[in-house]
């Protein structure tokens, strides 16, 4: 988020990024019981993308 602020992104854009990150982290916690970023693998990311794709 700090990087976005430095690049002078709008408040609305930064809020969108925060919401997207929060949704992803909630998904990891609920589906895989992951709470530490270092535990995330490409499998988890691909799984989340598939969920997003299914939702449209």
PDB file of N, CA and C in Angstrom:
ATOM      1  N   UNK A   1       0.818  -1.173   0.000  1.00  0.00           N
ATOM      2  CA  UNK A   1       0.000   0.000   0.000  1.00  0.00           C
ATOM      3  C   UNK A   1       0.878   1.258   0.000  1.00  0.00           C
ATOM      4  N   UNK A   2       1.975   1.152   0.695  1.00  0.00           N
ATOM      5  CA  UNK A   2       2.902   2.285   0.754  1.00  0.00           C
ATOM      6  C   UNK A   2       3.383   2.651  -0.646  1.00  0.00           C
ATOM      7  N   UNK A   3       3.698   1.638  -1.441  1.00  0.00           N
ATOM      8  CA  UNK A   3       4.163   1.856  -2.811  1.00  0.00           C
ATOM      9  C   UNK A   3       3.099   2.579  -3.638  1.00  0.00           C
ATOM     10  N   UNK A   4       1.844   2.219  -3.444  1.00  0.00           N
ATOM     11  CA  UNK A   4       0.757   2.871  -4.179  1.00  0.00           C
ATOM     12  C   UNK A   4       0.618   4.339  -3.781  1.00  0.00           C
ATOM     13  N   UNK A   5       0.785   4.596  -2.499  1.00  0.00           N
ATOM     14  CA  UNK A   5       0.700   5.977  -2.024  1.00  0.00           C
ATOM     15  C   UNK A   5       1.839   6.820  -2.601  1.00  0.00           C
ATOM     16  N   UNK A   6       3.035   6.235  -2.647  1.00  0.00           N
ATOM     17  CA  UNK A   6       4.190   6.953  -3.204  1.00  0.00           C
ATOM     18  C   UNK A   6       3.977   7.244  -4.682  1.00  0.00           C
ATOM     19  N   UNK A   7       3.352   6.299  -5.389  1.00  0.00           N
ATOM     20  CA  UNK A   7       3.086   6.487  -6.815  1.00  0.00           C
ATOM     21  C   UNK A   7       1.884   7.394  -7.052  1.00  0.00           C
ATOM     22  N   UNK A   8       1.329   7.910  -5.959  1.00  0.00           N
ATOM     23  CA  UNK A   8       0.239   8.884  -6.011  1.00  0.00           C
ATOM     24  C   UNK A   8      -1.053   8.323  -6.617  1.00  0.00           C
ATOM     25  N   UNK A   9      -1.351   7.048  -6.318  1.00  0.00           N
ATOM     26  CA  UNK A   9      -2.618   6.464  -6.750  1.00  0.00           C
ATOM     27  C   UNK A   9      -3.742   7.122  -5.963  1.00  0.00           C
ATOM     28  N   UNK A  10      -4.928   7.115  -6.518  1.00  0.00           N
ATOM     29  CA  UNK A  10      -6.058   7.744  -5.845  1.00  0.00           C
ATOM     30  C   UNK A  10      -6.459   6.943  -4.606  1.00  0.00           C
ATOM     31  N   UNK A  11      -7.122   7.625  -3.695  1.00  0.00           N
ATOM     32  CA  UNK A  11      -7.600   6.994  -2.464  1.00  0.00           C
ATOM     33  C   UNK A  11      -8.529   5.830  -2.806  1.00  0.00           C
ATOM     34  N   UNK A  12      -9.351   6.006  -3.803  1.00  0.00           N
ATOM     35  CA  UNK A  12     -10.287   4.958  -4.219  1.00  0.00           C
ATOM     36  C   UNK A  12      -9.541   3.723  -4.744  1.00  0.00           C
ATOM     37  N   UNK A  13      -8.501   3.928  -5.519  1.00  0.00           N
ATOM     38  CA  UNK A  13      -7.709   2.817  -6.048  1.00  0.00           C
ATOM     39  C   UNK A  13      -7.012   2.069  -4.920  1.00  0.00           C
ATOM     40  N   UNK A  14      -6.434   2.800  -3.984  1.00  0.00           N
ATOM     41  CA  UNK A  14      -5.758   2.177  -2.848  1.00  0.00           C
ATOM     42  C   UNK A  14      -6.751   1.367  -2.021  1.00  0.00           C
ATOM     43  N   UNK A  15      -7.937   1.912  -1.833  1.00  0.00           N
ATOM     44  CA  UNK A  15      -8.978   1.194  -1.090  1.00  0.00           C
ATOM     45  C   UNK A  15      -9.340  -0.105  -1.809  1.00  0.00           C
ATOM     46  N   UNK A  16      -9.417  -0.065  -3.129  1.00  0.00           N
ATOM     47  CA  UNK A  16      -9.709  -1.262  -3.911  1.00  0.00           C
ATOM     48  C   UNK A  16      -8.636  -2.323  -3.738  1.00  0.00           C
ATOM     49  N   UNK A  17      -7.379  -1.911  -3.773  1.00  0.00           N
ATOM     50  CA  UNK A  17      -6.265  -2.843  -3.559  1.00  0.00           C
ATOM     51  C   UNK A  17      -6.352  -3.467  -2.169  1.00  0.00           C
ATOM     52  N   UNK A  18      -6.647  -2.642  -1.161  1.00  0.00           N
ATOM     53  CA  UNK A  18      -6.768  -3.146   0.211  1.00  0.00           C
ATOM     54  C   UNK A  18      -7.884  -4.182   0.300  1.00  0.00           C
ATOM     55  N   UNK A  19      -9.016  -3.885  -0.318  1.00  0.00           N
ATOM     56  CA  UNK A  19     -10.144  -4.816  -0.274  1.00  0.00           C
ATOM     57  C   UNK A  19      -9.812  -6.127  -0.979  1.00  0.00           C
ATOM     58  N   UNK A  20      -9.127  -6.042  -2.116  1.00  0.00           N
ATOM     59  CA  UNK A  20      -8.736  -7.252  -2.840  1.00  0.00           C
ATOM     60  C   UNK A  20      -7.757  -8.099  -2.027  1.00  0.00           C
ATOM     61  N   UNK A  21      -6.784  -7.442  -1.414  1.00  0.00           N
ATOM     62  CA  UNK A  21      -5.815  -8.166  -0.586  1.00  0.00           C
ATOM     63  C   UNK A  21      -6.497  -8.809   0.615  1.00  0.00           C
ATOM     64  N   UNK A  22      -7.409  -8.082   1.215  1.00  0.00           N
ATOM     65  CA  UNK A  22      -8.128  -8.604   2.375  1.00  0.00           C
ATOM     66  C   UNK A  22      -8.970  -9.826   1.984  1.00  0.00           C
ATOM     67  N   UNK A  23      -9.628  -9.763   0.840  1.00  0.00           N
ATOM     68  CA  UNK A  23     -10.436 -10.892   0.374  1.00  0.00           C
ATOM     69  C   UNK A  23      -9.557 -12.119   0.125  1.00  0.00           C
ATOM     70  N   UNK A  24      -8.395 -11.914  -0.473  1.00  0.00           N
ATOM     71  CA  UNK A  24      -7.472 -13.015  -0.736  1.00  0.00           C
ATOM     72  C   UNK A  24      -6.977 -13.631   0.568  1.00  0.00           C
ATOM     73  N   UNK A  25      -6.586 -12.801   1.514  1.00  0.00           N
ATOM     74  CA  UNK A  25      -6.097 -13.309   2.794  1.00  0.00           C
ATOM     75  C   UNK A  25      -7.192 -14.036   3.572  1.00  0.00           C
ATOM     76  N   UNK A  26      -8.417 -13.534   3.491  1.00  0.00           N
ATOM     77  CA  UNK A  26      -9.541 -14.227   4.137  1.00  0.00           C
ATOM     78  C   UNK A  26      -9.776 -15.586   3.499  1.00  0.00           C
ATOM     79  N   UNK A  27      -9.683 -15.654   2.183  1.00  0.00           N
ATOM     80  CA  UNK A  27      -9.828 -16.921   1.470  1.00  0.00           C
ATOM     81  C   UNK A  27      -8.767 -17.912   1.939  1.00  0.00           C
ATOM     82  N   UNK A  28      -7.527 -17.480   2.015  1.00  0.00           N
ATOM     83  CA  UNK A  28      -6.438 -18.359   2.456  1.00  0.00           C
ATOM     84  C   UNK A  28      -6.670 -18.860   3.878  1.00  0.00           C
ATOM     85  N   UNK A  29      -7.148 -17.984   4.715  1.00  0.00           N
ATOM     86  CA  UNK A  29      -7.393 -18.365   6.112  1.00  0.00           C
ATOM     87  C   UNK A  29      -8.540 -19.362   6.206  1.00  0.00           C
ATOM     88  N   UNK A  30      -9.613 -19.123   5.469  1.00  0.00           N
ATOM     89  CA  UNK A  30     -10.796 -19.977   5.551  1.00  0.00           C
ATOM     90  C   UNK A  30     -10.614 -21.318   4.851  1.00  0.00           C
ATOM     91  N   UNK A  31      -9.964 -21.322   3.705  1.00  0.00           N
ATOM     92  CA  UNK A  31      -9.833 -22.549   2.915  1.00  0.00           C
ATOM     93  C   UNK A  31      -8.621 -23.393   3.284  1.00  0.00           C
ATOM     94  N   UNK A  32      -7.520 -22.742   3.652  1.00  0.00           N
ATOM     95  CA  UNK A  32      -6.265 -23.464   3.864  1.00  0.00           C
ATOM     96  C   UNK A  32      -5.662 -23.253   5.256  1.00  0.00           C
ATOM     97  N   UNK A  33      -6.347 -22.467   6.086  1.00  0.00           N
ATOM     98  CA  UNK A  33      -5.855 -22.149   7.430  1.00  0.00           C
ATOM     99  C   UNK A  33      -4.473 -21.503   7.397  1.00  0.00           C
ATOM    100  N   UNK A  34      -4.239 -20.703   6.380  1.00  0.00           N
ATOM    101  CA  UNK A  34      -2.961 -20.000   6.225  1.00  0.00           C
ATOM    102  C   UNK A  34      -3.089 -18.604   6.816  1.00  0.00           C
ATOM    103  N   UNK A  35      -2.159 -18.292   7.708  1.00  0.00           N
ATOM    104  CA  UNK A  35      -2.135 -16.960   8.307  1.00  0.00           C
ATOM    105  C   UNK A  35      -0.782 -16.282   8.146  1.00  0.00           C
ATOM    106  N   UNK A  36       0.190 -17.010   7.618  1.00  0.00           N
ATOM    107  CA  UNK A  36       1.538 -16.473   7.431  1.00  0.00           C
ATOM    108  C   UNK A  36       1.812 -16.391   5.931  1.00  0.00           C
ATOM    109  N   UNK A  37       2.165 -15.213   5.467  1.00  0.00           N
ATOM    110  CA  UNK A  37       2.351 -14.985   4.033  1.00  0.00           C
ATOM    111  C   UNK A  37       3.371 -15.942   3.431  1.00  0.00           C
ATOM    112  N   UNK A  38       4.396 -16.278   4.177  1.00  0.00           N
ATOM    113  CA  UNK A  38       5.439 -17.166   3.666  1.00  0.00           C
ATOM    114  C   UNK A  38       4.929 -18.577   3.362  1.00  0.00           C
ATOM    115  N   UNK A  39       3.765 -18.931   3.879  1.00  0.00           N
ATOM    116  CA  UNK A  39       3.191 -20.259   3.634  1.00  0.00           C
ATOM    117  C   UNK A  39       2.405 -20.340   2.326  1.00  0.00           C
ATOM    118  N   UNK A  40       2.204 -19.219   1.670  1.00  0.00           N
ATOM    119  CA  UNK A  40       1.431 -19.195   0.424  1.00  0.00           C
ATOM    120  C   UNK A  40       2.264 -19.795  -0.702  1.00  0.00           C
ATOM    121  N   UNK A  41       1.635 -20.670  -1.478  1.00  0.00           N
ATOM    122  CA  UNK A  41       2.301 -21.271  -2.637  1.00  0.00           C
ATOM    123  C   UNK A  41       1.541 -20.895  -3.900  1.00  0.00           C
ATOM    124  N   UNK A  42       2.108 -21.235  -5.035  1.00  0.00           N
ATOM    125  CA  UNK A  42       1.429 -20.953  -6.308  1.00  0.00           C
ATOM    126  C   UNK A  42       0.114 -21.719  -6.388  1.00  0.00           C
ATOM    127  N   UNK A  43       0.033 -22.876  -5.756  1.00  0.00           N
ATOM    128  CA  UNK A  43      -1.214 -23.654  -5.719  1.00  0.00           C
ATOM    129  C   UNK A  43      -2.346 -22.837  -5.097  1.00  0.00           C
ATOM    130  N   UNK A  44      -2.052 -22.134  -4.028  1.00  0.00           N
ATOM    131  CA  UNK A  44      -3.062 -21.327  -3.348  1.00  0.00           C
ATOM    132  C   UNK A  44      -3.519 -20.165  -4.228  1.00  0.00           C
ATOM    133  N   UNK A  45      -2.574 -19.545  -4.888  1.00  0.00           N
ATOM    134  CA  UNK A  45      -2.900 -18.415  -5.761  1.00  0.00           C
ATOM    135  C   UNK A  45      -3.749 -18.884  -6.936  1.00  0.00           C
ATOM    136  N   UNK A  46      -3.362 -19.998  -7.550  1.00  0.00           N
ATOM    137  CA  UNK A  46      -4.133 -20.540  -8.679  1.00  0.00           C
ATOM    138  C   UNK A  46      -5.535 -20.937  -8.243  1.00  0.00           C
ATOM    139  N   UNK A  47      -5.652 -21.481  -7.059  1.00  0.00           N
ATOM    140  CA  UNK A  47      -6.962 -21.861  -6.532  1.00  0.00           C
ATOM    141  C   UNK A  47      -7.857 -20.633  -6.379  1.00  0.00           C
ATOM    142  N   UNK A  48      -7.285 -19.565  -5.875  1.00  0.00           N
ATOM    143  CA  UNK A  48      -8.054 -18.330  -5.703  1.00  0.00           C
ATOM    144  C   UNK A  48      -8.484 -17.759  -7.057  1.00  0.00           C
ATOM    145  N   UNK A  49      -7.571 -17.794  -8.042  1.00  0.00           N
ATOM    146  CA  UNK A  49      -7.907 -17.308  -9.384  1.00  0.00           C
ATOM    147  C   UNK A  49      -9.061 -18.110  -9.982  1.00  0.00           C
ATOM    148  N   UNK A  50      -9.073 -19.407  -9.730  1.00  0.00           N
ATOM    149  CA  UNK A  50     -10.161 -20.245 -10.243  1.00  0.00           C
ATOM    150  C   UNK A  50     -11.490 -19.848  -9.610  1.00  0.00           C
ATOM    151  N   UNK A  51     -11.479 -19.554  -8.328  1.00  0.00           N
ATOM    152  CA  UNK A  51     -12.687 -19.106  -7.644  1.00  0.00           C
ATOM    153  C   UNK A  51     -13.172 -17.791  -8.253  1.00  0.00           C
ATOM    154  N   UNK A  52     -12.252 -16.863  -8.479  1.00  0.00           N
ATOM    155  CA  UNK A  52     -12.625 -15.580  -9.073  1.00  0.00           C
ATOM    156  C   UNK A  52     -13.172 -15.758 -10.485  1.00  0.00           C
ATOM    157  N   UNK A  53     -12.562 -16.647 -11.250  1.00  0.00           N
ATOM    158  CA  UNK A  53     -13.010 -16.916 -12.605  1.00  0.00           C
ATOM    159  C   UNK A  53     -14.427 -17.475 -12.612  1.00  0.00           C
ATOM    160  N   UNK A  54     -14.715 -18.379 -11.691  1.00  0.00           N
ATOM    161  CA  UNK A  54     -16.045 -18.977 -11.595  1.00  0.00           C
ATOM    162  C   UNK A  54     -17.100 -17.945 -11.234  1.00  0.00           C
ATOM    163  N   UNK A  55     -16.712 -16.977 -10.424  1.00  0.00           N
ATOM    164  CA  UNK A  55     -17.638 -15.913 -10.033  1.00  0.00           C
ATOM    165  C   UNK A  55     -17.858 -14.900 -11.152  1.00  0.00           C
ATOM    166  N   UNK A  56     -16.921 -14.900 -12.101  1.00  0.00           N
ATOM    167  CA  UNK A  56     -17.054 -13.972 -13.230  1.00  0.00           C
ATOM    168  C   UNK A  56     -16.368 -12.689 -12.956  1.00  0.00           C
TER     169      UNK A  56
END
